[in-house]
């Protein structure tokens, strides 16, 4: 189970990375208590950081295979590491994997939102992100 708080919430990005659509029933709204979503410094994408007075919104994706996770790991690259955190789904705390930044990111970075990214950044970066995801999927199939 993966908690997506950033661009992986965008259906186009998720399909580009996984090479398939995720079943609607496998996606549920979720929140990560004690975390906030800020801009990764110098980037248009986000980072999840500890912020005790916040709850980061996102979604849980539950039907991911080992190949899906390998594709996600490759896409997230060296700037993120996979970890496990507690997230709230329908009022219940569950453990979920999440991509956290590998560097310490100040909590005073500007807050990031999917709505803003979709309206401002997605039109500029989606084609390149989709090409990168395709190349990573092809590489994983040949490794």
N, C-alpha and C. Protein backbone atom coordinates (compact mmCIF):
# COMPACT_ATOMS: atom_id res chain seq x y z
N UNK A 1 0.85 -1.17 0.00
CA UNK A 1 0.00 0.00 0.00
C UNK A 1 0.90 1.24 0.00
N UNK A 2 0.59 2.18 -0.88
CA UNK A 2 1.40 3.39 -1.03
C UNK A 2 0.56 4.62 -0.75
N UNK A 3 1.11 5.55 0.03
CA UNK A 3 0.49 6.85 0.24
C UNK A 3 1.11 7.81 -0.76
N UNK A 4 0.29 8.31 -1.69
CA UNK A 4 0.73 9.29 -2.68
C UNK A 4 0.23 10.66 -2.25
N UNK A 5 1.13 11.61 -2.12
CA UNK A 5 0.78 12.95 -1.66
C UNK A 5 1.10 14.01 -2.70
N UNK A 6 1.74 13.62 -3.79
CA UNK A 6 2.20 14.60 -4.77
C UNK A 6 1.70 14.29 -6.17
N UNK A 7 2.61 14.35 -7.12
CA UNK A 7 2.22 14.19 -8.52
C UNK A 7 1.70 12.79 -8.84
N UNK A 8 2.02 11.80 -8.01
CA UNK A 8 1.48 10.45 -8.24
C UNK A 8 -0.03 10.39 -8.02
N UNK A 9 -0.62 11.43 -7.45
CA UNK A 9 -2.08 11.51 -7.34
C UNK A 9 -2.71 11.83 -8.69
N UNK A 10 -1.92 12.38 -9.61
CA UNK A 10 -2.43 12.73 -10.92
C UNK A 10 -2.58 11.45 -11.75
N UNK A 11 -3.77 11.14 -12.25
CA UNK A 11 -3.97 9.88 -12.98
C UNK A 11 -3.06 9.74 -14.20
N UNK A 12 -2.77 10.83 -14.89
CA UNK A 12 -1.90 10.75 -16.07
C UNK A 12 -0.47 10.37 -15.68
N UNK A 13 0.03 10.95 -14.61
CA UNK A 13 1.39 10.63 -14.14
C UNK A 13 1.42 9.17 -13.68
N UNK A 14 0.43 8.75 -12.92
CA UNK A 14 0.41 7.39 -12.40
C UNK A 14 0.38 6.37 -13.54
N UNK A 15 -0.43 6.60 -14.56
CA UNK A 15 -0.47 5.70 -15.72
C UNK A 15 0.87 5.71 -16.44
N UNK A 16 1.47 6.89 -16.59
CA UNK A 16 2.76 6.98 -17.27
C UNK A 16 3.83 6.18 -16.53
N UNK A 17 3.83 6.26 -15.22
CA UNK A 17 4.84 5.55 -14.42
C UNK A 17 4.58 4.04 -14.41
N UNK A 18 3.34 3.65 -14.18
CA UNK A 18 3.03 2.22 -14.04
C UNK A 18 2.82 1.52 -15.38
N UNK A 19 2.45 2.28 -16.41
CA UNK A 19 2.15 1.66 -17.69
C UNK A 19 0.78 0.99 -17.70
N UNK A 20 -0.04 1.33 -16.73
CA UNK A 20 -1.40 0.77 -16.63
C UNK A 20 -2.23 1.67 -15.73
N UNK A 21 -3.53 1.53 -15.86
CA UNK A 21 -4.46 2.24 -14.97
C UNK A 21 -4.61 1.45 -13.67
N UNK A 22 -4.77 2.16 -12.59
CA UNK A 22 -5.04 1.57 -11.29
C UNK A 22 -6.55 1.47 -11.14
N UNK A 23 -7.02 0.35 -10.63
CA UNK A 23 -8.45 0.18 -10.41
C UNK A 23 -8.98 1.24 -9.45
N UNK A 24 -10.13 1.79 -9.76
CA UNK A 24 -10.74 2.83 -8.94
C UNK A 24 -10.91 2.36 -7.50
N UNK A 25 -11.31 1.10 -7.31
CA UNK A 25 -11.52 0.56 -5.97
C UNK A 25 -10.23 0.47 -5.15
N UNK A 26 -9.07 0.55 -5.82
CA UNK A 26 -7.78 0.43 -5.14
C UNK A 26 -7.25 1.78 -4.66
N UNK A 27 -8.01 2.85 -4.89
CA UNK A 27 -7.58 4.19 -4.50
C UNK A 27 -8.58 4.74 -3.48
N UNK A 28 -8.02 5.23 -2.36
CA UNK A 28 -8.86 5.82 -1.32
C UNK A 28 -8.19 7.10 -0.82
N UNK A 29 -9.01 8.09 -0.51
CA UNK A 29 -8.49 9.31 0.10
C UNK A 29 -7.83 8.98 1.43
N UNK A 30 -6.76 9.71 1.74
CA UNK A 30 -6.04 9.46 2.98
C UNK A 30 -5.37 10.76 3.45
N UNK A 31 -4.96 10.74 4.70
CA UNK A 31 -4.24 11.87 5.29
C UNK A 31 -3.08 11.33 6.11
N UNK A 32 -1.99 12.08 6.11
CA UNK A 32 -0.82 11.72 6.91
C UNK A 32 -0.71 12.73 8.06
N UNK A 33 -1.18 12.35 9.26
CA UNK A 33 -1.11 13.27 10.40
C UNK A 33 0.33 13.60 10.76
N UNK A 34 0.57 14.87 11.03
CA UNK A 34 1.91 15.30 11.44
C UNK A 34 2.85 15.56 10.29
N UNK A 35 2.32 15.61 9.07
CA UNK A 35 3.14 15.88 7.89
C UNK A 35 2.52 17.00 7.07
N UNK A 36 3.38 17.70 6.34
CA UNK A 36 2.95 18.72 5.40
C UNK A 36 3.63 18.47 4.06
N UNK A 37 3.08 19.05 3.02
CA UNK A 37 3.63 18.90 1.67
C UNK A 37 4.14 20.26 1.21
N UNK A 38 5.44 20.32 0.97
CA UNK A 38 6.08 21.57 0.54
C UNK A 38 6.81 21.32 -0.78
N UNK A 39 7.19 22.40 -1.44
CA UNK A 39 7.98 22.26 -2.64
C UNK A 39 9.36 21.73 -2.30
N UNK A 40 9.81 20.73 -3.05
CA UNK A 40 11.19 20.27 -2.97
C UNK A 40 12.03 21.44 -3.48
N UNK A 41 13.02 21.91 -2.74
CA UNK A 41 13.76 23.11 -3.15
C UNK A 41 14.30 22.99 -4.59
N UNK A 42 14.01 24.02 -5.39
CA UNK A 42 14.48 24.07 -6.75
C UNK A 42 13.72 23.20 -7.72
N UNK A 43 12.60 22.63 -7.31
CA UNK A 43 11.83 21.71 -8.14
C UNK A 43 10.37 22.17 -8.21
N UNK A 44 9.60 21.58 -9.14
CA UNK A 44 8.17 21.88 -9.21
C UNK A 44 7.35 20.78 -8.54
N UNK A 45 8.03 19.79 -8.00
CA UNK A 45 7.32 18.69 -7.35
C UNK A 45 7.54 18.76 -5.84
N UNK A 46 6.79 17.94 -5.09
CA UNK A 46 6.73 18.11 -3.64
C UNK A 46 7.64 17.19 -2.84
N UNK A 47 7.66 17.54 -1.55
CA UNK A 47 8.32 16.70 -0.55
C UNK A 47 7.41 16.65 0.67
N UNK A 48 7.34 15.49 1.27
CA UNK A 48 6.58 15.31 2.50
C UNK A 48 7.55 15.53 3.67
N UNK A 49 7.18 16.47 4.54
CA UNK A 49 8.05 16.81 5.67
C UNK A 49 7.25 16.76 6.97
N UNK A 50 7.94 16.48 8.05
CA UNK A 50 7.30 16.45 9.37
C UNK A 50 6.85 17.86 9.75
N UNK A 51 5.57 17.98 10.03
CA UNK A 51 4.96 19.24 10.48
C UNK A 51 3.87 18.87 11.48
N UNK A 52 4.19 18.89 12.76
CA UNK A 52 3.26 18.39 13.77
C UNK A 52 1.84 18.96 13.71
N UNK A 53 1.68 20.19 13.29
CA UNK A 53 0.34 20.79 13.30
C UNK A 53 -0.40 20.65 11.97
N UNK A 54 0.10 19.81 11.07
CA UNK A 54 -0.52 19.63 9.76
C UNK A 54 -0.97 18.19 9.54
N UNK A 55 -1.82 18.02 8.56
CA UNK A 55 -2.19 16.70 8.03
C UNK A 55 -2.05 16.80 6.52
N UNK A 56 -1.16 16.01 5.94
CA UNK A 56 -0.97 16.02 4.49
C UNK A 56 -2.06 15.19 3.83
N UNK A 57 -2.73 15.77 2.85
CA UNK A 57 -3.75 15.01 2.14
C UNK A 57 -3.12 14.26 0.98
N UNK A 58 -3.75 13.15 0.63
CA UNK A 58 -3.26 12.34 -0.47
C UNK A 58 -4.20 11.18 -0.70
N UNK A 59 -3.63 10.10 -1.19
CA UNK A 59 -4.44 8.91 -1.45
C UNK A 59 -3.61 7.66 -1.21
N UNK A 60 -4.32 6.61 -0.86
CA UNK A 60 -3.72 5.29 -0.70
C UNK A 60 -3.98 4.51 -1.99
N UNK A 61 -2.93 3.87 -2.49
CA UNK A 61 -3.06 3.00 -3.66
C UNK A 61 -2.74 1.60 -3.17
N UNK A 62 -3.70 0.67 -3.30
CA UNK A 62 -3.53 -0.63 -2.65
C UNK A 62 -3.27 -1.81 -3.59
N UNK A 63 -3.35 -1.64 -4.88
CA UNK A 63 -3.18 -2.82 -5.75
C UNK A 63 -1.85 -2.80 -6.51
N UNK A 64 -0.79 -2.40 -5.84
CA UNK A 64 0.51 -2.30 -6.50
C UNK A 64 1.29 -3.61 -6.41
N UNK A 65 1.86 -4.01 -7.53
CA UNK A 65 2.67 -5.22 -7.59
C UNK A 65 4.13 -4.89 -7.30
N UNK A 66 4.96 -5.91 -7.20
CA UNK A 66 6.40 -5.69 -7.02
C UNK A 66 6.97 -4.94 -8.22
N UNK A 67 6.51 -5.25 -9.42
CA UNK A 67 6.97 -4.53 -10.61
C UNK A 67 6.52 -3.07 -10.56
N UNK A 68 5.30 -2.82 -10.12
CA UNK A 68 4.83 -1.44 -9.96
C UNK A 68 5.74 -0.68 -9.00
N UNK A 69 6.07 -1.30 -7.89
CA UNK A 69 6.93 -0.62 -6.90
C UNK A 69 8.32 -0.37 -7.47
N UNK A 70 8.85 -1.30 -8.26
CA UNK A 70 10.15 -1.08 -8.90
C UNK A 70 10.07 0.10 -9.86
N UNK A 71 8.98 0.20 -10.59
CA UNK A 71 8.79 1.33 -11.51
C UNK A 71 8.68 2.64 -10.74
N UNK A 72 7.94 2.63 -9.64
CA UNK A 72 7.83 3.83 -8.82
C UNK A 72 9.18 4.21 -8.22
N UNK A 73 9.92 3.23 -7.72
CA UNK A 73 11.26 3.52 -7.16
C UNK A 73 12.15 4.17 -8.22
N UNK A 74 12.13 3.63 -9.43
CA UNK A 74 12.96 4.17 -10.50
C UNK A 74 12.52 5.59 -10.84
N UNK A 75 11.23 5.83 -10.90
CA UNK A 75 10.71 7.15 -11.24
C UNK A 75 11.06 8.16 -10.15
N UNK A 76 10.93 7.78 -8.90
CA UNK A 76 11.23 8.71 -7.81
C UNK A 76 12.72 9.00 -7.70
N UNK A 77 13.55 8.08 -8.15
CA UNK A 77 14.98 8.33 -8.28
C UNK A 77 15.73 8.50 -6.97
N UNK A 78 16.85 9.19 -7.06
CA UNK A 78 17.76 9.35 -5.93
C UNK A 78 17.34 10.43 -4.94
N UNK A 79 16.32 11.22 -5.28
CA UNK A 79 15.92 12.31 -4.39
C UNK A 79 14.94 11.86 -3.30
N UNK A 80 14.45 10.62 -3.42
CA UNK A 80 13.49 10.10 -2.47
C UNK A 80 13.91 8.71 -2.01
N UNK A 81 13.44 8.36 -0.81
CA UNK A 81 13.61 7.01 -0.29
C UNK A 81 12.24 6.52 0.16
N UNK A 82 12.03 5.24 0.02
CA UNK A 82 10.76 4.68 0.45
C UNK A 82 10.82 4.38 1.94
N UNK A 83 9.77 4.76 2.66
CA UNK A 83 9.69 4.54 4.10
C UNK A 83 8.24 4.17 4.43
N UNK A 84 7.99 3.85 5.67
CA UNK A 84 6.64 3.52 6.12
C UNK A 84 6.21 4.55 7.16
N UNK A 85 4.99 5.05 6.99
CA UNK A 85 4.41 5.99 7.95
C UNK A 85 2.97 5.58 8.25
N UNK A 86 2.42 6.18 9.30
CA UNK A 86 1.01 5.96 9.62
C UNK A 86 0.17 6.98 8.87
N UNK A 87 -0.88 6.51 8.20
CA UNK A 87 -1.80 7.39 7.50
C UNK A 87 -3.22 7.04 7.93
N UNK A 88 -4.08 8.00 7.81
CA UNK A 88 -5.48 7.81 8.20
C UNK A 88 -6.32 7.60 6.95
N UNK A 89 -7.04 6.48 6.93
CA UNK A 89 -7.94 6.14 5.84
C UNK A 89 -9.30 5.84 6.46
N UNK A 90 -10.30 6.62 6.09
CA UNK A 90 -11.66 6.42 6.60
C UNK A 90 -11.68 6.33 8.13
N UNK A 91 -10.90 7.19 8.78
CA UNK A 91 -10.89 7.24 10.23
C UNK A 91 -10.02 6.21 10.93
N UNK A 92 -9.34 5.36 10.16
CA UNK A 92 -8.49 4.32 10.74
C UNK A 92 -7.04 4.57 10.37
N UNK A 93 -6.15 4.46 11.35
CA UNK A 93 -4.72 4.58 11.07
C UNK A 93 -4.19 3.26 10.51
N UNK A 94 -3.48 3.35 9.40
CA UNK A 94 -2.85 2.18 8.78
C UNK A 94 -1.42 2.54 8.43
N UNK A 95 -0.60 1.53 8.26
CA UNK A 95 0.78 1.74 7.83
C UNK A 95 0.83 1.70 6.30
N UNK A 96 1.53 2.65 5.73
CA UNK A 96 1.65 2.70 4.27
C UNK A 96 3.06 3.14 3.90
N UNK A 97 3.49 2.68 2.75
CA UNK A 97 4.77 3.13 2.23
C UNK A 97 4.58 4.51 1.62
N UNK A 98 5.65 5.28 1.61
CA UNK A 98 5.62 6.65 1.11
C UNK A 98 7.02 7.01 0.63
N UNK A 99 7.10 7.95 -0.27
CA UNK A 99 8.40 8.45 -0.73
C UNK A 99 8.73 9.74 0.02
N UNK A 100 9.80 9.67 0.82
CA UNK A 100 10.27 10.81 1.58
C UNK A 100 11.55 11.35 0.95
N UNK A 101 11.80 12.65 1.08
CA UNK A 101 13.03 13.21 0.52
C UNK A 101 14.25 12.65 1.26
N UNK A 102 15.35 12.49 0.52
CA UNK A 102 16.58 11.99 1.15
C UNK A 102 17.36 13.10 1.84
N UNK A 103 17.03 14.35 1.55
CA UNK A 103 17.69 15.48 2.20
C UNK A 103 16.72 16.11 3.19
N UNK A 104 17.28 16.84 4.15
CA UNK A 104 16.44 17.60 5.07
C UNK A 104 15.90 18.82 4.33
N UNK A 105 14.60 18.95 4.33
CA UNK A 105 13.95 20.07 3.65
C UNK A 105 13.31 20.95 4.70
N UNK A 106 13.62 22.25 4.66
CA UNK A 106 13.04 23.15 5.66
C UNK A 106 11.52 23.18 5.59
N UNK A 107 10.89 23.26 6.74
CA UNK A 107 9.43 23.29 6.77
C UNK A 107 8.88 24.65 6.36
N UNK A 108 9.75 25.65 6.19
CA UNK A 108 9.26 26.96 5.76
C UNK A 108 9.30 27.12 4.24
N UNK A 109 9.55 26.03 3.51
CA UNK A 109 9.45 26.07 2.05
C UNK A 109 7.98 26.32 1.71
N UNK A 110 7.72 26.89 0.54
CA UNK A 110 6.31 27.11 0.16
C UNK A 110 5.53 25.80 0.14
N UNK A 111 4.28 25.89 0.55
CA UNK A 111 3.39 24.73 0.52
C UNK A 111 3.09 24.35 -0.93
N UNK A 112 2.98 23.05 -1.18
CA UNK A 112 2.72 22.51 -2.53
C UNK A 112 1.29 22.00 -2.58
N UNK A 113 0.63 22.17 -3.72
CA UNK A 113 -0.71 21.57 -3.88
C UNK A 113 -0.82 20.95 -5.27
N UNK A 114 -1.56 19.86 -5.33
CA UNK A 114 -1.80 19.18 -6.60
C UNK A 114 -2.56 20.10 -7.56
N UNK A 115 -3.52 20.83 -7.04
CA UNK A 115 -4.31 21.73 -7.88
C UNK A 115 -3.41 22.76 -8.56
N UNK A 116 -2.50 23.38 -7.81
CA UNK A 116 -1.60 24.37 -8.39
C UNK A 116 -0.66 23.71 -9.40
N UNK A 117 -0.10 22.56 -9.03
CA UNK A 117 0.81 21.86 -9.94
C UNK A 117 0.09 21.51 -11.24
N UNK A 118 -1.14 21.01 -11.15
CA UNK A 118 -1.91 20.62 -12.33
C UNK A 118 -2.16 21.81 -13.24
N UNK A 119 -2.49 22.94 -12.67
CA UNK A 119 -2.80 24.12 -13.47
C UNK A 119 -1.60 24.85 -14.01
N UNK A 120 -0.50 24.86 -13.26
CA UNK A 120 0.66 25.67 -13.63
C UNK A 120 1.80 24.84 -14.21
N UNK A 121 2.16 23.75 -13.54
CA UNK A 121 3.38 23.02 -13.93
C UNK A 121 3.13 21.84 -14.85
N UNK A 122 2.03 21.13 -14.67
CA UNK A 122 1.79 19.92 -15.46
C UNK A 122 1.87 20.18 -16.96
N UNK A 123 1.24 21.26 -17.48
CA UNK A 123 1.32 21.47 -18.93
C UNK A 123 2.76 21.62 -19.44
N UNK A 124 3.65 22.08 -18.58
CA UNK A 124 5.05 22.31 -18.98
C UNK A 124 5.92 21.07 -18.84
N UNK A 125 5.58 20.18 -17.90
CA UNK A 125 6.49 19.08 -17.59
C UNK A 125 5.96 17.69 -17.92
N UNK A 126 4.65 17.56 -18.19
CA UNK A 126 4.09 16.22 -18.33
C UNK A 126 4.71 15.41 -19.46
N UNK A 127 4.89 16.00 -20.63
CA UNK A 127 5.43 15.25 -21.77
C UNK A 127 6.80 14.66 -21.43
N UNK A 128 7.65 15.44 -20.80
CA UNK A 128 8.99 14.95 -20.43
C UNK A 128 8.90 13.88 -19.34
N UNK A 129 8.03 14.08 -18.36
CA UNK A 129 7.85 13.09 -17.30
C UNK A 129 7.36 11.76 -17.89
N UNK A 130 6.43 11.82 -18.84
CA UNK A 130 5.90 10.61 -19.47
C UNK A 130 7.00 9.89 -20.26
N UNK A 131 7.84 10.66 -20.97
CA UNK A 131 8.96 10.04 -21.71
C UNK A 131 9.94 9.37 -20.75
N UNK A 132 10.24 10.04 -19.66
CA UNK A 132 11.16 9.48 -18.67
C UNK A 132 10.58 8.19 -18.09
N UNK A 133 9.29 8.21 -17.75
CA UNK A 133 8.65 7.02 -17.19
C UNK A 133 8.68 5.86 -18.19
N UNK A 134 8.42 6.14 -19.46
CA UNK A 134 8.45 5.11 -20.49
C UNK A 134 9.84 4.48 -20.60
N UNK A 135 10.88 5.31 -20.60
CA UNK A 135 12.25 4.80 -20.67
C UNK A 135 12.59 3.94 -19.46
N UNK A 136 12.14 4.37 -18.28
CA UNK A 136 12.39 3.59 -17.06
C UNK A 136 11.67 2.25 -17.11
N UNK A 137 10.41 2.25 -17.59
CA UNK A 137 9.68 0.98 -17.71
C UNK A 137 10.39 0.04 -18.68
N UNK A 138 10.86 0.56 -19.80
CA UNK A 138 11.56 -0.27 -20.79
C UNK A 138 12.86 -0.82 -20.20
N UNK A 139 13.59 0.03 -19.46
CA UNK A 139 14.84 -0.43 -18.85
C UNK A 139 14.60 -1.53 -17.84
N UNK A 140 13.54 -1.39 -17.04
CA UNK A 140 13.24 -2.42 -16.03
C UNK A 140 12.86 -3.75 -16.67
N UNK A 141 12.26 -3.70 -17.83
CA UNK A 141 11.90 -4.95 -18.53
C UNK A 141 13.11 -5.67 -19.10
N UNK A 142 14.18 -4.92 -19.40
CA UNK A 142 15.38 -5.55 -19.98
C UNK A 142 16.41 -5.92 -18.93
N UNK A 143 16.27 -5.39 -17.71
CA UNK A 143 17.25 -5.72 -16.64
C UNK A 143 17.03 -7.11 -16.09
